[in-house]
Amino acid sequence: MAALYKAAGIFGDMEINAAEFTPRDVYNLKIFDLDFVRPQVCQDADPDQPFCQLLGKYRVTYPGYSTVAPYAHMDETCASLAPDYVRKDGC
């Protein structure tokens, strides 16, 4: 997904290596509009989500959703291990 965002120009002229991004890194990017007024069907399905989830047996959560501003060379030196992708502070 980070490669798609890079190709779309979301990162501008920043040096970004999309292969270094984990799924968490992608949803943590501060690129999503948190003031987006969701359609009523989304609000009815889950009034507390900042995004739209209409289907699924389980509620999807994204801790830290849209909280990290992109920066050059982002995540290039951040070690993480699946499945929790826990990293040291400041990374």
PDB file of N, CA and C in Angstrom:
ATOM      1  N   MET A   1       0.825  -1.189   0.000  1.00  0.00           N
ATOM      2  CA  MET A   1       0.000   0.000   0.000  1.00  0.00           C
ATOM      3  C   MET A   1       0.869   1.252   0.000  1.00  0.00           C
ATOM      4  N   ALA A   2       1.981   1.235   0.743  1.00  0.00           N
ATOM      5  CA  ALA A   2       2.854   2.407   0.783  1.00  0.00           C
ATOM      6  C   ALA A   2       3.404   2.716  -0.609  1.00  0.00           C
ATOM      7  N   ALA A   3       3.646   1.678  -1.403  1.00  0.00           N
ATOM      8  CA  ALA A   3       4.135   1.890  -2.770  1.00  0.00           C
ATOM      9  C   ALA A   3       3.073   2.613  -3.613  1.00  0.00           C
ATOM     10  N   LEU A   4       1.817   2.271  -3.409  1.00  0.00           N
ATOM     11  CA  LEU A   4       0.720   2.932  -4.110  1.00  0.00           C
ATOM     12  C   LEU A   4       0.649   4.400  -3.709  1.00  0.00           C
ATOM     13  N   TYR A   5       0.757   4.673  -2.408  1.00  0.00           N
ATOM     14  CA  TYR A   5       0.734   6.050  -1.927  1.00  0.00           C
ATOM     15  C   TYR A   5       1.915   6.840  -2.490  1.00  0.00           C
ATOM     16  N   LYS A   6       3.070   6.200  -2.563  1.00  0.00           N
ATOM     17  CA  LYS A   6       4.255   6.856  -3.114  1.00  0.00           C
ATOM     18  C   LYS A   6       4.031   7.190  -4.586  1.00  0.00           C
ATOM     19  N   ALA A   7       3.527   6.225  -5.341  1.00  0.00           N
ATOM     20  CA  ALA A   7       3.260   6.441  -6.767  1.00  0.00           C
ATOM     21  C   ALA A   7       2.209   7.528  -6.984  1.00  0.00           C
ATOM     22  N   ALA A   8       1.282   7.662  -6.049  1.00  0.00           N
ATOM     23  CA  ALA A   8       0.229   8.677  -6.157  1.00  0.00           C
ATOM     24  C   ALA A   8       0.720  10.063  -5.766  1.00  0.00           C
ATOM     25  N   GLY A   9       1.953  10.141  -5.220  1.00  0.00           N
ATOM     26  CA  GLY A   9       2.515  11.432  -4.872  1.00  0.00           C
ATOM     27  C   GLY A   9       2.176  11.920  -3.475  1.00  0.00           C
ATOM     28  N   ILE A  10       1.614  11.069  -2.643  1.00  0.00           N
ATOM     29  CA  ILE A  10       1.222  11.486  -1.295  1.00  0.00           C
ATOM     30  C   ILE A  10       2.426  11.925  -0.470  1.00  0.00           C
ATOM     31  N   PHE A  11       3.582  11.336  -0.723  1.00  0.00           N
ATOM     32  CA  PHE A  11       4.788  11.671   0.034  1.00  0.00           C
ATOM     33  C   PHE A  11       5.567  12.833  -0.587  1.00  0.00           C
ATOM     34  N   GLY A  12       5.070  13.382  -1.670  1.00  0.00           N
ATOM     35  CA  GLY A  12       5.770  14.484  -2.330  1.00  0.00           C
ATOM     36  C   GLY A  12       7.146  14.043  -2.792  1.00  0.00           C
ATOM     37  N   ASP A  13       8.157  14.857  -2.504  1.00  0.00           N
ATOM     38  CA  ASP A  13       9.515  14.517  -2.953  1.00  0.00           C
ATOM     39  C   ASP A  13      10.343  13.860  -1.836  1.00  0.00           C
ATOM     40  N   MET A  14       9.694  13.402  -0.770  1.00  0.00           N
ATOM     41  CA  MET A  14      10.411  12.719   0.321  1.00  0.00           C
ATOM     42  C   MET A  14      10.993  11.396  -0.166  1.00  0.00           C
ATOM     43  N   GLU A  15      12.160  11.054   0.346  1.00  0.00           N
ATOM     44  CA  GLU A  15      12.758   9.755   0.072  1.00  0.00           C
ATOM     45  C   GLU A  15      12.052   8.731   0.955  1.00  0.00           C
ATOM     46  N   ILE A  16      11.265   7.866   0.336  1.00  0.00           N
ATOM     47  CA  ILE A  16      10.499   6.848   1.052  1.00  0.00           C
ATOM     48  C   ILE A  16      10.766   5.499   0.404  1.00  0.00           C
ATOM     49  N   ASN A  17      11.118   4.502   1.215  1.00  0.00           N
ATOM     50  CA  ASN A  17      11.296   3.142   0.741  1.00  0.00           C
ATOM     51  C   ASN A  17      10.062   2.350   1.171  1.00  0.00           C
ATOM     52  N   ALA A  18       9.128   2.190   0.274  1.00  0.00           N
ATOM     53  CA  ALA A  18       7.845   1.571   0.600  1.00  0.00           C
ATOM     54  C   ALA A  18       7.995   0.137   1.095  1.00  0.00           C
ATOM     55  N   ALA A  19       9.048  -0.545   0.710  1.00  0.00           N
ATOM     56  CA  ALA A  19       9.259  -1.930   1.150  1.00  0.00           C
ATOM     57  C   ALA A  19       9.534  -2.017   2.647  1.00  0.00           C
ATOM     58  N   GLU A  20       9.887  -0.911   3.275  1.00  0.00           N
ATOM     59  CA  GLU A  20      10.173  -0.903   4.709  1.00  0.00           C
ATOM     60  C   GLU A  20       8.922  -0.740   5.575  1.00  0.00           C
ATOM     61  N   PHE A  21       7.775  -0.527   4.961  1.00  0.00           N
ATOM     62  CA  PHE A  21       6.537  -0.280   5.693  1.00  0.00           C
ATOM     63  C   PHE A  21       5.825  -1.579   6.045  1.00  0.00           C
ATOM     64  N   THR A  22       5.383  -1.674   7.288  1.00  0.00           N
ATOM     65  CA  THR A  22       4.524  -2.776   7.718  1.00  0.00           C
ATOM     66  C   THR A  22       3.077  -2.325   7.549  1.00  0.00           C
ATOM     67  N   PRO A  23       2.112  -3.229   7.675  1.00  0.00           N
ATOM     68  CA  PRO A  23       0.713  -2.784   7.622  1.00  0.00           C
ATOM     69  C   PRO A  23       0.420  -1.698   8.660  1.00  0.00           C
ATOM     70  N   ARG A  24       0.984  -1.838   9.845  1.00  0.00           N
ATOM     71  CA  ARG A  24       0.779  -0.829  10.895  1.00  0.00           C
ATOM     72  C   ARG A  24       1.318   0.532  10.458  1.00  0.00           C
ATOM     73  N   ASP A  25       2.488   0.549   9.847  1.00  0.00           N
ATOM     74  CA  ASP A  25       3.070   1.808   9.391  1.00  0.00           C
ATOM     75  C   ASP A  25       2.134   2.529   8.424  1.00  0.00           C
ATOM     76  N   VAL A  26       1.475   1.767   7.588  1.00  0.00           N
ATOM     77  CA  VAL A  26       0.574   2.360   6.594  1.00  0.00           C
ATOM     78  C   VAL A  26      -0.632   3.000   7.258  1.00  0.00           C
ATOM     79  N   TYR A  27      -1.283   2.307   8.186  1.00  0.00           N
ATOM     80  CA  TYR A  27      -2.474   2.913   8.793  1.00  0.00           C
ATOM     81  C   TYR A  27      -2.127   3.969   9.828  1.00  0.00           C
ATOM     82  N   ASN A  28      -0.889   3.996  10.299  1.00  0.00           N
ATOM     83  CA  ASN A  28      -0.458   5.056  11.217  1.00  0.00           C
ATOM     84  C   ASN A  28      -0.146   6.366  10.504  1.00  0.00           C
ATOM     85  N   LEU A  29       0.054   6.323   9.189  1.00  0.00           N
ATOM     86  CA  LEU A  29       0.363   7.548   8.442  1.00  0.00           C
ATOM     87  C   LEU A  29      -0.713   8.602   8.659  1.00  0.00           C
ATOM     88  N   LYS A  30      -0.278   9.790   8.959  1.00  0.00           N
ATOM     89  CA  LYS A  30      -1.215  10.901   9.186  1.00  0.00           C
ATOM     90  C   LYS A  30      -1.601  11.513   7.845  1.00  0.00           C
ATOM     91  N   ILE A  31      -2.314  10.717   7.069  1.00  0.00           N
ATOM     92  CA  ILE A  31      -2.749  11.151   5.739  1.00  0.00           C
ATOM     93  C   ILE A  31      -4.265  11.011   5.578  1.00  0.00           C
ATOM     94  N   PHE A  32      -4.903  10.443   6.581  1.00  0.00           N
ATOM     95  CA  PHE A  32      -6.340  10.201   6.508  1.00  0.00           C
ATOM     96  C   PHE A  32      -7.103  11.351   7.160  1.00  0.00           C
ATOM     97  N   ASP A  33      -8.198  11.733   6.570  1.00  0.00           N
ATOM     98  CA  ASP A  33      -9.013  12.841   7.050  1.00  0.00           C
ATOM     99  C   ASP A  33      -9.860  12.390   8.236  1.00  0.00           C
ATOM    100  N   LEU A  34      -9.458  12.784   9.437  1.00  0.00           N
ATOM    101  CA  LEU A  34     -10.185  12.379  10.636  1.00  0.00           C
ATOM    102  C   LEU A  34     -11.488  13.155  10.821  1.00  0.00           C
ATOM    103  N   ASP A  35     -11.676  14.197  10.034  1.00  0.00           N
ATOM    104  CA  ASP A  35     -12.923  14.976  10.095  1.00  0.00           C
ATOM    105  C   ASP A  35     -13.903  14.577   8.997  1.00  0.00           C
ATOM    106  N   PHE A  36     -13.580  13.515   8.274  1.00  0.00           N
ATOM    107  CA  PHE A  36     -14.429  13.014   7.207  1.00  0.00           C
ATOM    108  C   PHE A  36     -15.800  12.652   7.768  1.00  0.00           C
ATOM    109  N   VAL A  37     -16.843  13.169   7.168  1.00  0.00           N
ATOM    110  CA  VAL A  37     -18.204  12.838   7.586  1.00  0.00           C
ATOM    111  C   VAL A  37     -18.604  11.565   6.851  1.00  0.00           C
ATOM    112  N   ARG A  38     -18.668  10.496   7.599  1.00  0.00           N
ATOM    113  CA  ARG A  38     -18.973   9.204   7.008  1.00  0.00           C
ATOM    114  C   ARG A  38     -20.443   9.120   6.605  1.00  0.00           C
ATOM    115  N   PRO A  39     -20.737   8.380   5.545  1.00  0.00           N
ATOM    116  CA  PRO A  39     -22.137   8.187   5.162  1.00  0.00           C
ATOM    117  C   PRO A  39     -22.928   7.561   6.312  1.00  0.00           C
ATOM    118  N   GLN A  40     -24.212   7.801   6.326  1.00  0.00           N
ATOM    119  CA  GLN A  40     -25.060   7.318   7.415  1.00  0.00           C
ATOM    120  C   GLN A  40     -24.970   5.808   7.597  1.00  0.00           C
ATOM    121  N   VAL A  41     -24.861   5.068   6.510  1.00  0.00           N
ATOM    122  CA  VAL A  41     -24.772   3.609   6.609  1.00  0.00           C
ATOM    123  C   VAL A  41     -23.527   3.194   7.406  1.00  0.00           C
ATOM    124  N   CYS A  42     -22.442   3.940   7.281  1.00  0.00           N
ATOM    125  CA  CYS A  42     -21.222   3.659   8.046  1.00  0.00           C
ATOM    126  C   CYS A  42     -21.427   3.987   9.518  1.00  0.00           C
ATOM    127  N   GLN A  43     -22.055   5.109   9.771  1.00  0.00           N
ATOM    128  CA  GLN A  43     -22.326   5.510  11.147  1.00  0.00           C
ATOM    129  C   GLN A  43     -23.263   4.513  11.838  1.00  0.00           C
ATOM    130  N   ASP A  44     -24.237   4.019  11.099  1.00  0.00           N
ATOM    131  CA  ASP A  44     -25.174   3.041  11.658  1.00  0.00           C
ATOM    132  C   ASP A  44     -24.468   1.719  11.952  1.00  0.00           C
ATOM    133  N   ALA A  45     -23.565   1.312  11.074  1.00  0.00           N
ATOM    134  CA  ALA A  45     -22.860   0.042  11.254  1.00  0.00           C
ATOM    135  C   ALA A  45     -21.908   0.090  12.443  1.00  0.00           C
ATOM    136  N   ASP A  46     -21.240   1.224  12.631  1.00  0.00           N
ATOM    137  CA  ASP A  46     -20.304   1.369  13.758  1.00  0.00           C
ATOM    138  C   ASP A  46     -20.069   2.854  14.011  1.00  0.00           C
ATOM    139  N   PRO A  47     -20.806   3.427  14.958  1.00  0.00           N
ATOM    140  CA  PRO A  47     -20.721   4.871  15.183  1.00  0.00           C
ATOM    141  C   PRO A  47     -19.384   5.356  15.747  1.00  0.00           C
ATOM    142  N   ASP A  48     -18.563   4.470  16.291  1.00  0.00           N
ATOM    143  CA  ASP A  48     -17.322   4.888  16.942  1.00  0.00           C
ATOM    144  C   ASP A  48     -16.076   4.795  16.068  1.00  0.00           C
ATOM    145  N   GLN A  49     -16.191   4.237  14.883  1.00  0.00           N
ATOM    146  CA  GLN A  49     -15.024   4.114  14.002  1.00  0.00           C
ATOM    147  C   GLN A  49     -14.796   5.410  13.228  1.00  0.00           C
ATOM    148  N   PRO A  50     -13.528   5.810  13.015  1.00  0.00           N
ATOM    149  CA  PRO A  50     -13.261   6.992  12.203  1.00  0.00           C
ATOM    150  C   PRO A  50     -13.257   6.684  10.699  1.00  0.00           C
ATOM    151  N   PHE A  51     -13.470   5.422  10.357  1.00  0.00           N
ATOM    152  CA  PHE A  51     -13.510   4.987   8.961  1.00  0.00           C
ATOM    153  C   PHE A  51     -14.747   4.116   8.787  1.00  0.00           C
ATOM    154  N   CYS A  52     -14.978   3.645   7.588  1.00  0.00           N
ATOM    155  CA  CYS A  52     -16.201   2.899   7.297  1.00  0.00           C
ATOM    156  C   CYS A  52     -15.931   1.394   7.237  1.00  0.00           C
ATOM    157  N   GLN A  53     -16.572   0.654   8.116  1.00  0.00           N
ATOM    158  CA  GLN A  53     -16.546  -0.812   8.074  1.00  0.00           C
ATOM    159  C   GLN A  53     -17.984  -1.286   8.052  1.00  0.00           C
ATOM    160  N   LEU A  54     -18.384  -1.822   6.910  1.00  0.00           N
ATOM    161  CA  LEU A  54     -19.775  -2.235   6.752  1.00  0.00           C
ATOM    162  C   LEU A  54     -19.999  -3.715   7.020  1.00  0.00           C
ATOM    163  N   LEU A  55     -19.000  -4.521   6.729  1.00  0.00           N
ATOM    164  CA  LEU A  55     -19.177  -5.964   6.812  1.00  0.00           C
ATOM    165  C   LEU A  55     -18.107  -6.596   7.689  1.00  0.00           C
ATOM    166  N   GLY A  56     -18.349  -7.825   8.032  1.00  0.00           N
ATOM    167  CA  GLY A  56     -17.350  -8.595   8.757  1.00  0.00           C
ATOM    168  C   GLY A  56     -17.858  -9.071  10.091  1.00  0.00           C
ATOM    169  N   LYS A  57     -17.388 -10.228  10.458  1.00  0.00           N
ATOM    170  CA  LYS A  57     -17.779 -10.832  11.718  1.00  0.00           C
ATOM    171  C   LYS A  57     -17.105 -10.127  12.894  1.00  0.00           C
ATOM    172  N   TYR A  58     -15.930  -9.572  12.651  1.00  0.00           N
ATOM    173  CA  TYR A  58     -15.158  -8.935  13.702  1.00  0.00           C
ATOM    174  C   TYR A  58     -14.975  -7.446  13.413  1.00  0.00           C
ATOM    175  N   ARG A  59     -14.893  -6.661  14.461  1.00  0.00           N
ATOM    176  CA  ARG A  59     -14.646  -5.218  14.335  1.00  0.00           C
ATOM    177  C   ARG A  59     -13.157  -4.997  14.129  1.00  0.00           C
ATOM    178  N   VAL A  60     -12.800  -4.260  13.104  1.00  0.00           N
ATOM    179  CA  VAL A  60     -11.406  -3.951  12.815  1.00  0.00           C
ATOM    180  C   VAL A  60     -11.005  -2.732  13.635  1.00  0.00           C
ATOM    181  N   THR A  61      -9.856  -2.812  14.280  1.00  0.00           N
ATOM    182  CA  THR A  61      -9.325  -1.663  15.008  1.00  0.00           C
ATOM    183  C   THR A  61      -7.919  -1.378  14.507  1.00  0.00           C
ATOM    184  N   TYR A  62      -7.557  -0.123  14.513  1.00  0.00           N
ATOM    185  CA  TYR A  62      -6.233   0.309  14.070  1.00  0.00           C
ATOM    186  C   TYR A  62      -5.647   1.247  15.121  1.00  0.00           C
ATOM    187  N   PRO A  63      -4.945   0.708  16.118  1.00  0.00           N
ATOM    188  CA  PRO A  63      -4.340   1.572  17.136  1.00  0.00           C
ATOM    189  C   PRO A  63      -3.373   2.575  16.502  1.00  0.00           C
ATOM    190  N   GLY A  64      -3.523   3.838  16.854  1.00  0.00           N
ATOM    191  CA  GLY A  64      -2.653   4.868  16.296  1.00  0.00           C
ATOM    192  C   GLY A  64      -3.039   5.296  14.899  1.00  0.00           C
ATOM    193  N   TYR A  65      -4.262   5.029  14.499  1.00  0.00           N
ATOM    194  CA  TYR A  65      -4.744   5.368  13.157  1.00  0.00           C
ATOM    195  C   TYR A  65      -4.518   6.847  12.857  1.00  0.00           C
ATOM    196  N   SER A  66      -3.828   7.126  11.760  1.00  0.00           N
ATOM    197  CA  SER A  66      -3.588   8.481  11.246  1.00  0.00           C
ATOM    198  C   SER A  66      -2.936   9.401  12.284  1.00  0.00           C
ATOM    199  N   THR A  67      -1.826   8.943  12.888  1.00  0.00           N
ATOM    200  CA  THR A  67      -1.174   9.726  13.940  1.00  0.00           C
ATOM    201  C   THR A  67       0.284  10.078  13.668  1.00  0.00           C
ATOM    202  N   VAL A  68       0.915   9.495  12.652  1.00  0.00           N
ATOM    203  CA  VAL A  68       2.340   9.727  12.411  1.00  0.00           C
ATOM    204  C   VAL A  68       2.527  10.464  11.082  1.00  0.00           C
ATOM    205  N   ALA A  69       3.039  11.678  11.165  1.00  0.00           N
ATOM    206  CA  ALA A  69       3.288  12.456   9.946  1.00  0.00           C
ATOM    207  C   ALA A  69       4.429  11.817   9.152  1.00  0.00           C
ATOM    208  N   PRO A  70       4.270  11.666   7.846  1.00  0.00           N
ATOM    209  CA  PRO A  70       5.335  11.080   7.032  1.00  0.00           C
ATOM    210  C   PRO A  70       6.607  11.931   7.083  1.00  0.00           C
ATOM    211  N   TYR A  71       7.754  11.280   7.008  1.00  0.00           N
ATOM    212  CA  TYR A  71       9.040  11.972   6.974  1.00  0.00           C
ATOM    213  C   TYR A  71      10.009  11.170   6.115  1.00  0.00           C
ATOM    214  N   ALA A  72      11.025  11.827   5.605  1.00  0.00           N
ATOM    215  CA  ALA A  72      11.999  11.183   4.720  1.00  0.00           C
ATOM    216  C   ALA A  72      12.677  10.010   5.428  1.00  0.00           C
ATOM    217  N   HIS A  73      12.890   8.941   4.692  1.00  0.00           N
ATOM    218  CA  HIS A  73      13.543   7.716   5.178  1.00  0.00           C
ATOM    219  C   HIS A  73      12.766   7.059   6.322  1.00  0.00           C
ATOM    220  N   MET A  74      11.474   7.273   6.330  1.00  0.00           N
ATOM    221  CA  MET A  74      10.597   6.739   7.372  1.00  0.00           C
ATOM    222  C   MET A  74      10.718   5.218   7.446  1.00  0.00           C
ATOM    223  N   ASP A  75      10.852   4.707   8.650  1.00  0.00           N
ATOM    224  CA  ASP A  75      10.836   3.278   8.965  1.00  0.00           C
ATOM    225  C   ASP A  75      12.020   2.483   8.412  1.00  0.00           C
ATOM    226  N   GLU A  76      13.030   3.146   7.915  1.00  0.00           N
ATOM    227  CA  GLU A  76      14.164   2.419   7.340  1.00  0.00           C
ATOM    228  C   GLU A  76      15.061   1.766   8.386  1.00  0.00           C
ATOM    229  N   THR A  77      15.026   2.251   9.615  1.00  0.00           N
ATOM    230  CA  THR A  77      15.876   1.662  10.647  1.00  0.00           C
ATOM    231  C   THR A  77      15.068   1.164  11.842  1.00  0.00           C
ATOM    232  N   CYS A  78      13.805   0.892  11.632  1.00  0.00           N
ATOM    233  CA  CYS A  78      12.925   0.468  12.716  1.00  0.00           C
ATOM    234  C   CYS A  78      12.722  -1.045  12.676  1.00  0.00           C
ATOM    235  N   ALA A  79      13.283  -1.719  13.653  1.00  0.00           N
ATOM    236  CA  ALA A  79      13.082  -3.163  13.737  1.00  0.00           C
ATOM    237  C   ALA A  79      11.690  -3.459  14.271  1.00  0.00           C
ATOM    238  N   SER A  80      11.063  -4.491  13.745  1.00  0.00           N
ATOM    239  CA  SER A  80       9.760  -4.916  14.249  1.00  0.00           C
ATOM    240  C   SER A  80       9.579  -6.393  13.918  1.00  0.00           C
ATOM    241  N   LEU A  81       8.787  -7.049  14.734  1.00  0.00           N
ATOM    242  CA  LEU A  81       8.525  -8.465  14.538  1.00  0.00           C
ATOM    243  C   LEU A  81       7.028  -8.724  14.499  1.00  0.00           C
ATOM    244  N   ALA A  82       6.627  -9.499  13.517  1.00  0.00           N
ATOM    245  CA  ALA A  82       5.231  -9.902  13.428  1.00  0.00           C
ATOM    246  C   ALA A  82       4.927 -10.833  14.595  1.00  0.00           C
ATOM    247  N   PRO A  83       3.728 -10.974  15.062  1.00  0.00           N
ATOM    248  CA  PRO A  83       2.510 -10.414  14.495  1.00  0.00           C
ATOM    249  C   PRO A  83       2.126  -9.055  15.081  1.00  0.00           C
ATOM    250  N   ASP A  84       2.803  -8.611  16.158  1.00  0.00           N
ATOM    251  CA  ASP A  84       2.402  -7.371  16.811  1.00  0.00           C
ATOM    252  C   ASP A  84       3.138  -6.130  16.299  1.00  0.00           C
ATOM    253  N   TYR A  85       4.243  -6.327  15.602  1.00  0.00           N
ATOM    254  CA  TYR A  85       5.039  -5.232  15.047  1.00  0.00           C
ATOM    255  C   TYR A  85       5.432  -4.210  16.125  1.00  0.00           C
ATOM    256  N   VAL A  86       5.831  -4.721  17.276  1.00  0.00           N
ATOM    257  CA  VAL A  86       6.249  -3.871  18.385  1.00  0.00           C
ATOM    258  C   VAL A  86       7.625  -3.278  18.071  1.00  0.00           C
ATOM    259  N   ARG A  87       7.760  -1.981  18.298  1.00  0.00           N
ATOM    260  CA  ARG A  87       9.019  -1.280  18.028  1.00  0.00           C
ATOM    261  C   ARG A  87       9.380  -0.402  19.202  1.00  0.00           C
ATOM    262  N   LYS A  88      10.648  -0.018  19.270  1.00  0.00           N
ATOM    263  CA  LYS A  88      11.082   0.867  20.341  1.00  0.00           C
ATOM    264  C   LYS A  88      10.481   2.260  20.142  1.00  0.00           C
ATOM    265  N   ASP A  89      10.423   3.043  21.208  1.00  0.00           N
ATOM    266  CA  ASP A  89       9.866   4.392  21.137  1.00  0.00           C
ATOM    267  C   ASP A  89      10.670   5.247  20.171  1.00  0.00           C
ATOM    268  N   GLY A  90       9.992   6.137  19.486  1.00  0.00           N
ATOM    269  CA  GLY A  90      10.641   7.047  18.555  1.00  0.00           C
ATOM    270  C   GLY A  90      10.898   6.450  17.195  1.00  0.00           C
ATOM    271  N   CYS A  91      10.390   5.268  16.969  1.00  0.00           N
ATOM    272  CA  CYS A  91      10.618   4.626  15.681  1.00  0.00           C
ATOM    273  C   CYS A  91       9.307   4.418  14.970  1.00  0.00           C
TER     274      CYS A  91
END
